Protein backbone atom coordinates (compact mmCIF):
# COMPACT_ATOMS: atom_id res chain seq x y z
CA MET A 1 0.00 0.00 0.00
CA SER A 2 1.27 3.50 -0.81
CA SER A 3 2.87 5.43 2.04
CA LEU A 4 0.75 8.41 0.94
CA LEU A 5 -2.21 6.73 2.62
CA TYR A 6 -0.52 6.72 6.02
CA ILE A 7 0.06 9.51 8.53
CA PRO A 8 3.60 10.96 8.38
CA TRP A 9 4.87 11.76 11.86
CA GLN A 10 8.01 13.79 12.48
CA PRO A 11 7.19 16.64 14.92
CA ASP A 12 9.89 18.76 16.51
CA GLU A 13 10.30 17.55 20.09
CA THR A 14 11.03 21.10 21.28
CA ILE A 15 8.27 23.70 21.62
CA PHE A 16 10.65 26.59 22.30
CA ASN A 17 13.90 27.34 24.08
CA LEU A 18 14.01 29.08 27.43
CA GLY A 19 17.54 30.44 27.24
CA PRO A 20 19.82 27.40 26.97
CA LEU A 21 17.07 25.00 28.12
CA PRO A 22 14.74 23.42 25.54
CA ILE A 23 11.08 23.14 26.57
CA ARG A 24 9.92 19.83 25.12
CA TRP A 25 6.48 18.55 24.24
CA TYR A 26 7.08 15.49 26.43
CA GLY A 27 7.67 17.50 29.58
CA MET A 28 4.85 19.89 28.71
CA CYS A 29 2.38 17.01 28.33
CA TRP A 30 3.43 15.63 31.71
CA MET A 31 2.94 19.06 33.26
CA VAL A 32 -0.45 19.67 31.64
CA GLY A 33 -1.70 16.27 32.82
CA LEU A 34 -0.52 16.94 36.38
CA VAL A 35 -2.01 20.46 36.43
CA ILE A 36 -5.42 19.25 35.21
CA GLY A 37 -5.27 16.49 37.82
CA TYR A 38 -4.39 19.09 40.44
CA PHE A 39 -7.49 21.19 39.75
CA LEU A 40 -9.74 18.13 39.58
CA MET A 41 -8.39 16.96 42.90
CA GLN A 42 -8.93 20.41 44.42
CA TRP A 43 -12.52 20.31 43.20
CA LEU A 44 -13.05 16.89 44.81
CA TYR A 45 -11.66 18.04 48.16
CA LYS A 46 -13.99 21.05 48.14
CA ARG A 47 -17.00 19.02 47.01
CA HIS A 48 -16.50 16.57 49.86
CA LYS A 49 -15.88 19.42 52.31
CA TYR A 50 -12.26 18.69 53.21
CA PRO A 51 -10.38 21.78 54.43
CA SER A 52 -7.85 23.41 52.10
CA GLU A 53 -4.98 22.75 54.52
CA LYS A 54 -5.52 19.02 53.93
CA PHE A 55 -5.21 19.49 50.19
CA GLU A 56 -2.39 22.02 49.91
CA PRO A 57 0.63 19.71 50.52
CA LEU A 58 -0.71 16.95 48.27
CA PHE A 59 0.68 18.23 44.95
CA LEU A 60 4.30 18.21 46.12
CA TYR A 61 3.99 14.66 47.46
CA VAL A 62 2.45 13.49 44.19
CA PHE A 63 4.78 15.41 41.87
CA PHE A 64 7.99 14.13 43.41
CA GLY A 65 6.59 10.64 44.07
CA VAL A 66 5.42 10.12 40.47
CA LEU A 67 8.57 11.61 38.94
CA ALA A 68 10.93 9.61 41.15
CA GLY A 69 8.96 6.38 40.73
CA ALA A 70 8.63 6.74 36.96
CA ARG A 71 12.33 7.52 36.57
CA LEU A 72 13.53 4.70 38.82
CA GLY A 73 11.07 2.29 37.23
CA HIS A 74 12.47 2.96 33.77
CA CYS A 75 16.11 2.76 34.88
CA LEU A 76 15.65 -0.43 36.93
CA PHE A 77 13.30 -2.38 34.66
CA TYR A 78 14.13 -1.22 31.13
CA GLU A 79 17.75 0.02 31.00
CA PRO A 80 19.64 -1.33 34.03
CA GLN A 81 22.71 -1.94 31.85
CA ASP A 82 22.93 1.80 31.09
CA PHE A 83 22.12 3.24 34.49
CA LEU A 84 23.41 0.72 37.04
CA THR A 85 26.82 -0.25 35.64
CA SER A 86 28.73 3.03 36.14
CA TRP A 87 28.77 6.05 38.41
CA ASP A 88 27.88 8.29 35.47
CA GLY A 89 24.83 6.14 34.82
CA ILE A 90 23.75 6.21 38.47
CA VAL A 91 24.13 9.99 38.57
CA SER A 92 22.09 10.29 35.36
CA ILE A 93 19.16 8.58 37.08
CA PHE A 94 18.68 11.58 39.34
CA ILE A 95 19.66 14.57 37.17
CA PRO A 96 18.40 15.54 33.67
CA PHE A 97 21.91 15.53 32.18
CA ARG A 98 23.89 12.91 30.27
CA HIS A 99 27.70 12.56 30.46
CA LEU A 100 29.06 12.54 26.91
CA ALA A 101 32.16 10.81 25.53
CA ASP A 102 34.08 14.12 25.34
CA GLY A 103 33.72 14.61 29.10
CA THR A 104 30.99 17.25 28.96
CA TRP A 105 27.46 17.02 30.33
CA ARG A 106 24.45 17.77 28.13
CA TYR A 107 20.93 18.60 29.28
CA ILE A 108 18.51 16.02 27.90
CA GLY A 109 15.61 16.22 30.35
CA TYR A 110 14.24 13.14 32.08
CA GLN A 111 14.06 10.88 29.02
CA GLY A 112 12.79 7.53 30.17
CA LEU A 113 9.83 7.48 32.58
CA ALA A 114 7.93 4.24 33.22
CA SER A 115 4.21 4.44 34.01
CA HIS A 116 4.29 1.39 36.28
CA GLY A 117 7.10 2.93 38.31
CA GLY A 118 5.10 6.16 38.45
CA VAL A 119 2.15 4.28 39.98
CA VAL A 120 4.38 2.71 42.63
CA GLY A 121 5.95 6.10 43.37
CA LEU A 122 2.48 7.61 43.60
CA LEU A 123 1.28 4.98 46.08
CA ILE A 124 4.35 5.46 48.27
CA SER A 125 3.99 9.25 48.24
CA LEU A 126 0.28 8.91 49.07
CA PHE A 127 1.11 6.68 52.04
CA LEU A 128 3.45 9.39 53.35
CA TYR A 129 0.86 12.11 52.70
CA ILE A 130 -1.94 10.15 54.39
CA ARG A 131 0.20 9.45 57.43
CA LYS A 132 1.05 13.15 57.72
CA SER A 133 -2.42 14.57 56.98
CA ARG A 134 -4.45 11.83 58.68
CA MET A 135 -6.78 11.65 55.69
CA ASN A 136 -8.85 8.52 55.12
CA THR A 137 -6.75 6.20 52.93
CA TRP A 138 -9.56 5.01 50.69
CA VAL A 139 -10.94 8.50 50.18
CA VAL A 140 -7.57 9.70 48.86
CA LEU A 141 -7.15 6.60 46.68
CA ASP A 142 -10.63 7.01 45.21
CA PHE A 143 -9.97 10.67 44.48
CA PHE A 144 -6.90 9.59 42.51
CA GLY A 145 -8.89 6.89 40.76
CA ILE A 146 -11.24 9.60 39.50
CA CYS A 147 -8.47 11.97 38.36
CA SER A 148 -5.65 9.76 37.09
CA GLY A 149 -6.99 8.80 33.67
CA ILE A 150 -6.67 12.32 32.27
CA ALA A 151 -3.04 12.59 33.42
CA ALA A 152 -2.26 9.19 31.87
CA ALA A 153 -3.76 10.33 28.56
CA PHE A 154 -1.52 13.41 28.40
CA ILE A 155 1.56 11.37 29.29
CA ARG A 156 0.93 9.09 26.33
CA LEU A 157 0.48 12.12 24.09
CA GLY A 158 3.95 13.14 25.24
CA ASN A 159 5.24 9.74 24.12
CA LEU A 160 3.56 10.30 20.75
CA MET A 161 5.31 13.65 20.35
CA ASN A 162 8.62 11.90 21.13
CA SER A 163 7.90 9.10 18.61
CA GLU A 164 8.59 6.53 21.34
CA ILE A 165 6.80 3.35 22.49
CA ILE A 166 5.89 2.74 18.86
CA GLY A 167 3.78 -0.07 17.47
CA LYS A 168 4.46 -2.99 15.19
CA VAL A 169 4.43 -2.68 11.43
CA THR A 170 0.88 -2.75 10.07
CA ASP A 171 -1.20 -1.89 7.00
CA VAL A 172 -4.19 -0.36 8.84
CA PRO A 173 -5.18 2.93 7.17
CA TRP A 174 -4.55 4.98 10.32
CA ALA A 175 -0.95 3.76 10.64
CA PHE A 176 1.72 6.33 11.47
CA ILE A 177 5.13 6.52 9.81
CA PHE A 178 7.51 7.51 12.62
CA TYR A 179 10.29 9.00 10.54
CA LYS A 180 12.56 9.26 13.59
CA VAL A 181 12.56 5.44 13.66
CA ASP A 182 12.12 4.21 10.07
CA THR A 183 9.77 4.49 7.10
CA HIS A 184 7.45 1.57 7.94
CA PRO A 185 3.78 2.20 8.76
CA ARG A 186 3.17 1.27 12.40
CA HIS A 187 0.42 1.11 14.99
CA PRO A 188 0.29 4.41 16.93
CA GLY A 189 0.23 2.59 20.25
CA GLN A 190 0.68 5.81 22.22
CA LEU A 191 -2.43 7.30 20.59
CA TYR A 192 -4.44 4.13 21.27
CA GLU A 193 -3.56 4.44 24.94
CA ALA A 194 -4.20 8.18 25.14
CA ILE A 195 -7.70 7.74 23.68
CA ALA A 196 -8.45 4.75 25.91
CA TYR A 197 -7.31 6.53 29.07
CA LEU A 198 -9.38 9.59 28.20
CA VAL A 199 -12.46 7.37 27.72
CA ILE A 200 -11.76 5.58 31.02
CA PHE A 201 -11.43 8.95 32.78
CA VAL A 202 -14.80 10.12 31.37
CA LEU A 203 -16.52 6.85 32.36
CA ILE A 204 -15.19 6.90 35.93
CA LEU A 205 -16.03 10.59 36.34
CA ALA A 206 -19.58 9.96 35.05
CA LEU A 207 -20.01 7.05 37.48
CA TYR A 208 -18.72 9.21 40.33
CA ARG A 209 -21.23 11.96 39.48
CA ARG A 210 -24.01 9.39 39.81
CA ARG A 211 -22.63 7.71 42.95
CA PRO A 212 -20.48 10.14 44.95
CA GLN A 213 -21.31 8.21 48.12
CA LYS A 214 -18.98 5.43 46.93
CA VAL A 215 -15.92 7.63 47.51
CA GLY A 216 -13.99 6.01 50.32
CA THR A 217 -14.90 2.43 49.42
CA GLY A 218 -12.07 1.87 46.93
CA LEU A 219 -14.41 1.51 43.95
CA TYR A 220 -12.95 4.32 41.84
CA PHE A 221 -9.37 3.45 42.70
CA GLY A 222 -10.05 -0.16 41.73
CA LEU A 223 -11.77 0.75 38.47
CA CYS A 224 -8.92 3.04 37.47
CA LEU A 225 -6.23 0.41 38.02
CA THR A 226 -8.22 -2.45 36.53
CA LEU A 227 -9.40 -0.67 33.38
CA ILE A 228 -6.15 1.15 32.60
CA PHE A 229 -3.80 -1.75 33.15
CA THR A 230 -6.07 -4.36 31.55
CA PHE A 231 -6.07 -2.18 28.44
CA ARG A 232 -2.32 -1.71 28.81
CA PHE A 233 -1.81 -5.48 28.96
CA PHE A 234 -3.63 -6.13 25.68
CA ILE A 235 -2.38 -3.07 23.77
CA GLU A 236 1.18 -4.29 24.36
CA PHE A 237 0.53 -6.92 21.68
CA THR A 238 0.52 -4.12 19.08
CA LYS A 239 3.87 -2.65 20.24
CA ILE A 240 7.46 -3.53 19.55
CA VAL A 241 9.57 -4.46 22.56
CA GLN A 242 11.27 -1.47 24.17
CA VAL A 243 14.50 -3.24 25.12
CA ASP A 244 16.19 -6.33 23.65
CA PHE A 245 15.92 -8.61 26.69
CA GLU A 246 12.10 -8.53 26.44
CA SER A 247 12.32 -10.56 23.22
CA GLY A 248 13.15 -13.67 25.25
CA LEU A 249 10.21 -13.26 27.65
CA PRO A 250 6.76 -14.85 27.22
CA LEU A 251 5.24 -11.43 27.96
CA ASP A 252 6.88 -8.03 27.67
CA MET A 253 7.81 -5.98 30.72
CA GLY A 254 4.75 -3.73 30.41
CA GLN A 255 2.47 -6.77 30.58
CA ILE A 256 4.34 -8.40 33.46
CA LEU A 257 4.16 -5.21 35.53
CA SER A 258 0.48 -4.69 34.68
CA ILE A 259 -0.68 -8.00 36.16
CA PRO A 260 -0.22 -7.13 39.88
CA LEU A 261 -1.83 -3.72 39.34
CA VAL A 262 -4.87 -5.31 37.69
CA ALA A 263 -5.08 -7.75 40.62
CA LEU A 264 -4.87 -4.90 43.14
CA GLY A 265 -7.59 -3.01 41.28
CA ALA A 266 -9.88 -6.05 41.14
CA TRP A 267 -9.42 -6.60 44.88
CA ALA A 268 -10.31 -2.95 45.59
CA ILE A 269 -13.50 -3.28 43.50
CA LEU A 270 -14.53 -6.46 45.32
CA ARG A 271 -13.98 -4.93 48.77
CA SER A 272 -16.11 -1.92 47.79
CA LYS A 273 -19.27 -3.99 47.23
CA GLY A 274 -22.07 -3.11 49.59
CA LYS A 275 -20.05 -0.33 51.23
CA THR A 276 -20.65 3.39 51.52
CA GLY A 277 -17.73 5.71 51.97
CA LYS A 278 -16.95 7.30 55.31
CA LYS A 279 -14.56 10.05 56.32
């Protein structure tokens, strides 16, 4: 089939330069997703009559927890040979610079953030926040279940702008040609996920509007994990492996890491049955 029928994809990764620092679409998508999530969360706290002093420290816990978890998750699970075998690699885990062969350091941003690691980082940061604020654990988790889908959608749009996490070669008419990679038409796996996560967000939000009394039971937290990571498990079949060692595995790393999160979500849904949320 002629390549003219496919969608050519070769966007500039940089939106603009702020002095010597490039502002990239990837980082901007992360930030937009987090900011929208922030305002949604603020709305939920107000709607359920929690004082503003309970909400105010939450963003910092979440921001640093998600960023640290996503970064460590990528470095530990996907590129341990690059980040764990030298001091330069270990340092590069924590700073947005890469040590080049000529001895200089170059700003590259935090390239390489794993969504599964971000979830683990989020859960750890929420545990610390809940212990400090004395909020009800399941209320906070349900609030995040309501908000998280929109942030996940923007993160995958960032991956699309970076032409990363690409799909397998295909002849479907909506295939993208990621010219940064090659000239083969491929599944736009990032776009599939972004659309799915947006739909999941809308569905969970609509259910919450009908049944706000279920906040605090774990229902919305469970639905978020189960729906997002079940979709993630199956969409992985359309993607190429991200790192070579995955080729020898029966499932890729994204699928392996999705299974316990789906199980956790299913358990949360089951425990929510017949319950009404309490503060």
